[in-house]
């Protein structure tokens, strides 16, 4: 079952790039991320999401997997992007613990949508199935209050509750108020989680952030992610336990800002230009067709062809279309010529101007190639 996930506006305005943040088991996204989100507001439109039955999240009534959670988060974010006029746009992601595991699943299931990810206090596999099964059974029989004592030990580095009693208290209250069955079903999903064998598929840049005092997901768990993905890096924070966004909001906000701003601009710009020139339908088909074989190639052309060359100021887009049409006819790439003829019209070339371009190619490229190009153009114009 794909849970219905409701987005939570945390900070920033809609003129800024989207950063999606995810919670840890037993926490509300507001209690966990508010302090860091306030520091991120100048750079991002920060959107959170709630686990089922946590915070303002609707309780779950059926079992769900990590992939189901990721699908629910993506649907929720798509609603926000559509409202912003950026349908199917990209976004940066940051998540803690189970929120980080959902981030890994998003990077695998929607690789062209997540531009960069910061994953804190998490793992491709977290704990052991028997432990999660036992905890789910306990919560079903005794409620989430049964987890407060243990979570107080697991969540925080020594001294945190004394330094930040209000922030720590809000986190423990969110645990007490969480729906027991939803909590237990999340435990069930975590028991089945094991993405270790798929980390090498992840091409987006990933920053893994560990806490020295984190026992549920120690630094070795984050190192496994940083080493396993194609473009990973590890940062270990001193004096931090399992909830880095709440325990060290300034450090986490700084790491997110530097990682995301340095990673996603070319990809995000490239995807926007690609959609503007080629249209959503074409880009959506290309996205659906991404496989392990062509994933890096799709990333390459989005970042460099569309995010770099097509955005250079030296030529207008209509002029670039003229150059592209000529090159495609010369190379006899008639399948690509068809959608670039449509793109040329989007970029402002009239039917008459396109005909002139093809006539020009007949002299300098050759009549047989131009003959095939006119046949493609006839189909496009008839549409």
Protein backbone atom coordinates (compact mmCIF):
# COMPACT_ATOMS: atom_id res chain seq x y z
CA UNK A 1 0.00 0.00 0.00
CA UNK A 2 1.28 3.47 -0.88
CA UNK A 3 0.58 5.67 2.16
CA UNK A 4 -0.93 9.08 1.58
CA UNK A 5 1.76 11.58 2.59
CA UNK A 6 0.84 15.18 3.33
CA UNK A 7 3.57 17.79 2.78
CA UNK A 8 4.48 20.04 5.70
CA UNK A 9 5.65 23.59 4.97
CA UNK A 10 8.63 24.22 7.25
CA UNK A 11 10.48 27.29 6.00
CA UNK A 12 11.40 29.45 3.01
CA UNK A 13 9.24 30.69 0.17
CA UNK A 14 8.26 29.22 -3.17
CA UNK A 15 10.72 31.29 -5.14
CA UNK A 16 13.55 29.14 -3.77
CA UNK A 17 14.65 25.61 -4.77
CA UNK A 18 12.84 22.80 -3.00
CA UNK A 19 14.52 20.83 -0.24
CA UNK A 20 12.49 17.87 1.03
CA UNK A 21 13.29 16.63 4.55
CA UNK A 22 12.25 13.36 6.18
CA UNK A 23 11.80 12.26 9.81
CA UNK A 24 13.11 9.52 12.04
CA UNK A 25 10.88 6.78 13.42
CA UNK A 26 8.91 8.11 16.40
CA UNK A 27 9.48 11.79 15.59
CA UNK A 28 7.41 14.41 13.84
CA UNK A 29 9.19 16.16 11.00
CA UNK A 30 8.48 19.51 12.67
CA UNK A 31 10.07 18.52 15.99
CA UNK A 32 13.10 17.03 14.23
CA UNK A 33 13.76 19.59 11.48
CA UNK A 34 12.38 22.99 12.60
CA UNK A 35 15.66 24.33 14.00
CA UNK A 36 17.65 23.35 10.90
CA UNK A 37 14.85 24.46 8.54
CA UNK A 38 14.91 27.97 9.98
CA UNK A 39 18.60 28.17 9.10
CA UNK A 40 17.95 26.83 5.60
CA UNK A 41 15.13 29.27 4.79
CA UNK A 42 17.37 31.77 2.99
CA UNK A 43 18.42 29.15 0.45
CA UNK A 44 15.52 26.70 0.17
CA UNK A 45 11.80 26.18 0.23
CA UNK A 46 11.89 23.47 2.91
CA UNK A 47 9.12 20.87 2.70
CA UNK A 48 8.80 18.09 5.26
CA UNK A 49 6.81 14.88 5.23
CA UNK A 50 5.36 12.83 8.08
CA UNK A 51 5.49 9.09 8.63
CA UNK A 52 2.02 7.55 8.81
CA UNK A 53 0.50 8.19 12.24
CA UNK A 54 3.27 10.59 13.27
CA UNK A 55 2.77 14.33 13.72
CA UNK A 56 -0.08 15.32 11.41
CA UNK A 57 0.28 12.17 9.30
CA UNK A 58 -2.82 10.03 8.79
CA UNK A 59 -2.57 6.64 10.54
CA UNK A 60 -1.78 3.62 8.39
CA UNK A 61 -4.28 0.78 8.14
CA UNK A 62 -2.28 -1.59 5.93
CA UNK A 63 1.29 -2.79 5.66
CA UNK A 64 3.69 -0.75 3.54
CA UNK A 65 7.27 -1.10 2.36
CA UNK A 66 10.09 1.40 2.09
CA UNK A 67 9.35 1.63 -1.63
CA UNK A 68 5.72 2.43 -0.81
CA UNK A 69 6.83 5.23 1.51
CA UNK A 70 9.12 6.61 -1.19
CA UNK A 71 6.28 6.54 -3.72
CA UNK A 72 4.04 8.39 -1.27
CA UNK A 73 6.70 11.03 -0.65
CA UNK A 74 7.27 11.50 -4.39
CA UNK A 75 3.54 11.94 -5.01
CA UNK A 76 3.39 14.50 -2.21
CA UNK A 77 6.34 16.45 -3.58
CA UNK A 78 4.89 16.32 -7.10
CA UNK A 79 1.81 18.09 -5.76
CA UNK A 80 3.98 20.90 -4.40
CA UNK A 81 5.98 21.14 -7.62
CA UNK A 82 2.82 21.28 -9.71
CA UNK A 83 1.48 24.10 -7.54
CA UNK A 84 4.77 25.94 -8.16
CA UNK A 85 4.42 25.44 -11.92
CA UNK A 86 7.33 22.97 -11.98
CA UNK A 87 5.60 19.70 -12.78
CA UNK A 88 8.01 16.74 -12.67
CA UNK A 89 10.82 19.04 -11.50
CA UNK A 90 13.82 17.99 -9.47
CA UNK A 91 14.40 18.51 -5.77
CA UNK A 92 17.09 18.06 -3.15
CA UNK A 93 16.48 15.65 -0.29
CA UNK A 94 17.65 15.28 3.30
CA UNK A 95 16.45 12.63 5.73
CA UNK A 96 17.33 11.17 9.11
CA UNK A 97 17.17 7.46 10.03
CA UNK A 98 14.10 5.99 8.31
CA UNK A 99 13.83 9.32 6.49
CA UNK A 100 17.34 8.69 5.16
CA UNK A 101 16.40 5.16 4.11
CA UNK A 102 13.45 6.60 2.19
CA UNK A 103 15.95 8.95 0.57
CA UNK A 104 18.00 5.97 -0.63
CA UNK A 105 14.84 4.40 -2.02
CA UNK A 106 13.96 7.63 -3.85
CA UNK A 107 17.45 7.78 -5.35
CA UNK A 108 16.90 4.26 -6.69
CA UNK A 109 13.26 4.53 -7.76
CA UNK A 110 13.26 8.11 -9.08
CA UNK A 111 16.92 8.74 -10.02
CA UNK A 112 16.24 11.71 -12.28
CA UNK A 113 14.12 13.53 -9.72
CA UNK A 114 16.52 13.82 -6.76
CA UNK A 115 19.35 16.20 -7.64
CA UNK A 116 21.38 15.67 -4.46
CA UNK A 117 20.85 14.00 -1.09
CA UNK A 118 22.09 14.46 2.46
CA UNK A 119 21.42 11.31 4.49
CA UNK A 120 21.94 11.51 8.24
CA UNK A 121 22.08 8.77 10.88
CA UNK A 122 20.78 6.05 8.60
CA UNK A 123 21.78 2.93 6.72
CA UNK A 124 21.10 0.82 3.67
CA UNK A 125 20.17 -1.77 6.30
CA UNK A 126 19.29 -0.65 9.82
CA UNK A 127 19.38 -3.15 12.67
CA UNK A 128 18.20 -6.74 12.36
CA UNK A 129 14.74 -8.08 11.44
CA UNK A 130 14.26 -9.84 14.78
CA UNK A 131 14.85 -6.62 16.67
CA UNK A 132 12.31 -4.71 14.58
CA UNK A 133 9.79 -7.53 14.88
CA UNK A 134 10.17 -7.56 18.67
CA UNK A 135 9.76 -3.80 18.86
CA UNK A 136 6.67 -3.88 16.65
CA UNK A 137 5.11 -6.53 18.91
CA UNK A 138 5.88 -4.48 22.03
CA UNK A 139 4.37 -1.30 20.60
CA UNK A 140 1.26 -3.09 19.44
CA UNK A 141 0.69 -4.40 22.95
CA UNK A 142 1.98 -1.51 25.09
CA UNK A 143 1.83 1.58 22.87
CA UNK A 144 4.54 4.00 21.83
CA UNK A 145 5.02 5.22 25.42
CA UNK A 146 6.85 1.93 25.97
CA UNK A 147 9.65 3.26 23.74
CA UNK A 148 10.32 6.55 25.53
CA UNK A 149 12.95 5.26 27.94
CA UNK A 150 14.84 3.34 25.27
CA UNK A 151 14.62 6.19 22.75
CA UNK A 152 15.98 8.65 25.29
CA UNK A 153 19.10 6.47 25.40
CA UNK A 154 19.25 5.73 21.66
CA UNK A 155 18.47 9.16 20.25
CA UNK A 156 20.65 11.70 22.04
CA UNK A 157 24.31 12.25 22.69
CA UNK A 158 25.26 12.70 26.37
CA UNK A 159 24.23 16.11 27.70
CA UNK A 160 21.84 17.06 24.90
CA UNK A 161 18.64 16.89 26.96
CA UNK A 162 20.23 19.07 29.63
CA UNK A 163 21.36 21.64 27.04
CA UNK A 164 18.18 21.62 24.93
CA UNK A 165 15.31 20.40 27.14
CA UNK A 166 12.61 22.03 25.01
CA UNK A 167 13.80 20.55 21.73
CA UNK A 168 14.41 17.14 23.27
CA UNK A 169 11.05 17.23 25.03
CA UNK A 170 9.24 18.00 21.77
CA UNK A 171 10.84 14.96 20.16
CA UNK A 172 9.85 12.66 23.03
CA UNK A 173 6.31 14.05 23.02
CA UNK A 174 6.01 13.27 19.31
CA UNK A 175 7.03 9.69 20.10
CA UNK A 176 4.42 9.40 22.85
CA UNK A 177 1.71 10.82 20.56
CA UNK A 178 2.51 8.61 17.54
CA UNK A 179 -0.09 6.04 16.47
CA UNK A 180 1.00 2.62 17.77
CA UNK A 181 -0.03 0.57 14.74
CA UNK A 182 1.58 3.03 12.32
CA UNK A 183 4.79 2.90 14.36
CA UNK A 184 4.69 -0.91 14.33
CA UNK A 185 4.09 -1.02 10.57
CA UNK A 186 7.12 1.23 10.07
CA UNK A 187 9.11 -1.28 12.15
CA UNK A 188 7.87 -4.02 9.81
CA UNK A 189 9.08 -2.00 6.80
CA UNK A 190 12.48 -1.47 8.42
CA UNK A 191 12.77 -5.19 9.14
CA UNK A 192 12.55 -5.83 5.38
CA UNK A 193 14.96 -3.02 4.40
CA UNK A 194 18.23 -4.02 2.77
CA UNK A 195 19.49 -1.81 -0.06
CA UNK A 196 23.18 -2.64 0.35
CA UNK A 197 23.34 -4.56 -2.91
CA UNK A 198 21.95 -1.62 -4.89
CA UNK A 199 24.01 1.31 -3.63
CA UNK A 200 26.21 1.29 -6.74
CA UNK A 201 23.16 2.18 -8.83
CA UNK A 202 22.88 5.59 -7.17
CA UNK A 203 24.48 8.28 -9.35
CA UNK A 204 23.29 11.49 -7.67
CA UNK A 205 25.78 13.08 -5.24
CA UNK A 206 25.22 11.84 -1.69
CA UNK A 207 26.56 13.29 1.55
CA UNK A 208 26.35 10.80 4.43
CA UNK A 209 26.37 12.42 7.90
CA UNK A 210 27.08 10.31 10.98
CA UNK A 211 27.13 11.03 14.71
CA UNK A 212 29.99 9.81 16.86
CA UNK A 213 27.51 8.87 19.61
CA UNK A 214 24.92 7.23 17.36
CA UNK A 215 24.43 3.59 18.37
CA UNK A 216 21.47 2.59 16.10
CA UNK A 217 23.29 3.75 12.94
CA UNK A 218 26.99 4.20 13.81
CA UNK A 219 29.50 5.95 11.52
CA UNK A 220 30.31 2.62 9.83
CA UNK A 221 26.70 2.48 8.59
CA UNK A 222 27.04 5.88 6.92
CA UNK A 223 30.50 5.03 5.60
CA UNK A 224 28.97 2.04 3.83
CA UNK A 225 26.62 4.42 1.99
CA UNK A 226 29.32 6.96 1.15
CA UNK A 227 31.60 4.26 -0.26
CA UNK A 228 28.83 2.29 -1.95
CA UNK A 229 27.19 5.03 -4.04
CA UNK A 230 28.96 6.41 -7.10
CA UNK A 231 29.51 9.93 -5.76
CA UNK A 232 29.49 9.79 -1.98
CA UNK A 233 31.18 11.59 0.87
CA UNK A 234 31.16 11.01 4.64
CA UNK A 235 31.10 13.57 7.45
CA UNK A 236 31.18 12.48 11.11
CA UNK A 237 29.90 14.96 13.72
CA UNK A 238 31.29 14.97 17.26
CA UNK A 239 28.86 15.13 20.16
CA UNK A 240 25.91 13.98 18.05
CA UNK A 241 23.70 10.94 18.52
CA UNK A 242 20.94 9.64 16.26
CA UNK A 243 19.02 12.86 15.52
CA UNK A 244 21.59 15.17 13.96
CA UNK A 245 19.10 17.73 12.52
CA UNK A 246 17.85 18.46 16.07
CA UNK A 247 21.12 17.96 17.94
CA UNK A 248 23.37 19.93 15.57
CA UNK A 249 21.07 22.09 13.39
CA UNK A 250 23.76 24.64 12.46
CA UNK A 251 26.20 21.97 11.30
CA UNK A 252 23.53 20.04 9.41
CA UNK A 253 22.14 23.19 7.73
CA UNK A 254 25.63 24.23 6.66
CA UNK A 255 26.41 20.79 5.25
CA UNK A 256 23.13 20.68 3.33
CA UNK A 257 23.61 24.14 1.85
CA UNK A 258 27.15 23.51 0.66
CA UNK A 259 26.41 20.02 -0.66
CA UNK A 260 23.20 20.85 -2.50
CA UNK A 261 24.29 24.18 -3.95
CA UNK A 262 27.47 22.60 -5.23
CA UNK A 263 25.77 19.55 -6.74
CA UNK A 264 22.41 20.21 -8.25
CA UNK A 265 22.51 23.53 -10.08
CA UNK A 266 23.68 22.14 -13.44
CA UNK A 267 21.28 19.18 -13.30
CA UNK A 268 18.29 21.25 -12.17
CA UNK A 269 18.92 23.94 -14.78
CA UNK A 270 19.52 21.32 -17.45
CA UNK A 271 16.29 19.49 -16.71
CA UNK A 272 14.33 22.76 -16.79
CA UNK A 273 15.82 23.78 -20.15
CA UNK A 274 15.37 20.28 -21.55
CA UNK A 275 11.67 20.37 -20.68
CA UNK A 276 11.25 23.88 -22.06
CA UNK A 277 12.84 22.97 -25.39
CA UNK A 278 11.72 19.38 -25.94
CA UNK A 279 8.48 19.37 -23.95
CA UNK A 280 7.30 17.41 -20.92
CA UNK A 281 5.99 14.46 -22.94
CA UNK A 282 9.35 13.74 -24.58
CA UNK A 283 11.36 14.15 -21.37
CA UNK A 284 8.87 12.01 -19.44
CA UNK A 285 9.30 9.21 -22.01
CA UNK A 286 13.08 9.50 -21.75
CA UNK A 287 12.87 9.39 -17.96
CA UNK A 288 10.68 6.29 -17.92
CA UNK A 289 13.14 4.60 -20.29
CA UNK A 290 16.13 5.09 -17.97
CA UNK A 291 17.90 1.82 -17.15
CA UNK A 292 21.12 0.77 -15.45
CA UNK A 293 22.73 0.89 -18.90
CA UNK A 294 21.79 4.47 -19.87
CA UNK A 295 21.38 6.17 -16.46
CA UNK A 296 24.81 7.83 -16.48
CA UNK A 297 24.33 8.92 -20.09
CA UNK A 298 21.00 10.56 -19.29
CA UNK A 299 22.63 12.33 -16.35
CA UNK A 300 25.48 13.45 -18.63
CA UNK A 301 23.29 15.00 -21.31
CA UNK A 302 21.03 16.69 -18.76
CA UNK A 303 23.93 18.31 -16.92
CA UNK A 304 26.25 19.19 -19.80
CA UNK A 305 24.23 19.36 -23.02
CA UNK A 306 21.20 21.08 -21.47
CA UNK A 307 22.60 22.53 -18.24
CA UNK A 308 25.81 23.89 -19.78
CA UNK A 309 25.77 24.27 -23.60
CA UNK A 310 22.10 25.17 -24.09
CA UNK A 311 22.27 27.78 -21.33
CA UNK A 312 25.31 29.66 -22.67
CA UNK A 313 24.56 33.31 -23.51
CA UNK A 314 26.37 33.42 -26.88
CA UNK A 315 23.45 32.23 -29.03
CA UNK A 316 19.68 32.55 -28.76
CA UNK A 317 17.77 29.29 -28.52
CA UNK A 318 16.36 29.69 -32.04
CA UNK A 319 19.92 29.97 -33.37
CA UNK A 320 20.97 26.89 -31.44
CA UNK A 321 18.03 25.04 -32.99
CA UNK A 322 19.26 25.98 -36.48
CA UNK A 323 22.70 24.58 -35.63
CA UNK A 324 21.20 21.40 -34.17
CA UNK A 325 18.91 20.78 -37.19
CA UNK A 326 21.86 21.15 -39.56
CA UNK A 327 24.04 18.81 -37.52
CA UNK A 328 21.32 16.17 -37.25
CA UNK A 329 20.72 16.17 -41.01
CA UNK A 330 24.47 15.98 -41.63
CA UNK A 331 24.76 13.03 -39.27
CA UNK A 332 21.57 11.46 -40.67
CA UNK A 333 20.08 11.24 -37.18
CA UNK A 334 16.51 11.43 -38.44
CA UNK A 335 14.86 9.96 -35.34
CA UNK A 336 16.25 12.79 -33.23
CA UNK A 337 15.56 15.26 -36.04
CA UNK A 338 11.83 14.71 -35.55
CA UNK A 339 11.67 15.94 -31.96
CA UNK A 340 14.22 18.70 -32.60
CA UNK A 341 12.00 19.99 -35.41
CA UNK A 342 9.25 20.32 -32.83
CA UNK A 343 11.74 21.93 -30.44
CA UNK A 344 12.74 24.43 -33.14
CA UNK A 345 9.13 25.57 -33.39
CA UNK A 346 9.01 25.89 -29.60
CA UNK A 347 12.15 28.03 -29.82
CA UNK A 348 10.51 30.42 -32.26
CA UNK A 349 11.38 29.15 -35.75
CA UNK A 350 8.51 29.31 -38.20
CA UNK A 351 7.66 26.57 -40.66
CA UNK A 352 9.06 28.71 -43.48
CA UNK A 353 12.35 29.28 -41.63
CA UNK A 354 12.75 25.56 -40.95
CA UNK A 355 12.22 24.85 -44.66
CA UNK A 356 14.98 27.35 -45.46
CA UNK A 357 17.32 25.59 -43.04
CA UNK A 358 16.63 22.24 -44.70
CA UNK A 359 17.14 23.74 -48.15
CA UNK A 360 20.50 25.06 -46.98
CA UNK A 361 21.48 21.58 -45.82
CA UNK A 362 20.68 20.14 -49.26
CA UNK A 363 23.55 22.17 -50.72
CA UNK A 364 26.17 21.70 -48.02
CA UNK A 365 25.22 18.30 -46.60
CA UNK A 366 23.74 16.52 -49.59
CA UNK A 367 20.47 16.00 -51.41
CA UNK A 368 19.77 12.43 -50.17
CA UNK A 369 20.07 13.50 -46.53
CA UNK A 370 17.95 16.60 -47.14
CA UNK A 371 15.35 14.46 -48.93
CA UNK A 372 14.97 12.27 -45.82
CA UNK A 373 14.89 15.37 -43.62
CA UNK A 374 12.05 16.90 -45.65
CA UNK A 375 10.10 13.64 -45.26
CA UNK A 376 10.49 13.89 -41.45
CA UNK A 377 9.53 17.57 -41.54
CA UNK A 378 6.40 16.79 -43.56
CA UNK A 379 5.26 14.38 -40.83
CA UNK A 380 5.96 16.94 -38.11
CA UNK A 381 4.14 19.75 -39.93
CA UNK A 382 1.15 17.52 -40.68
CA UNK A 383 0.83 16.83 -36.96
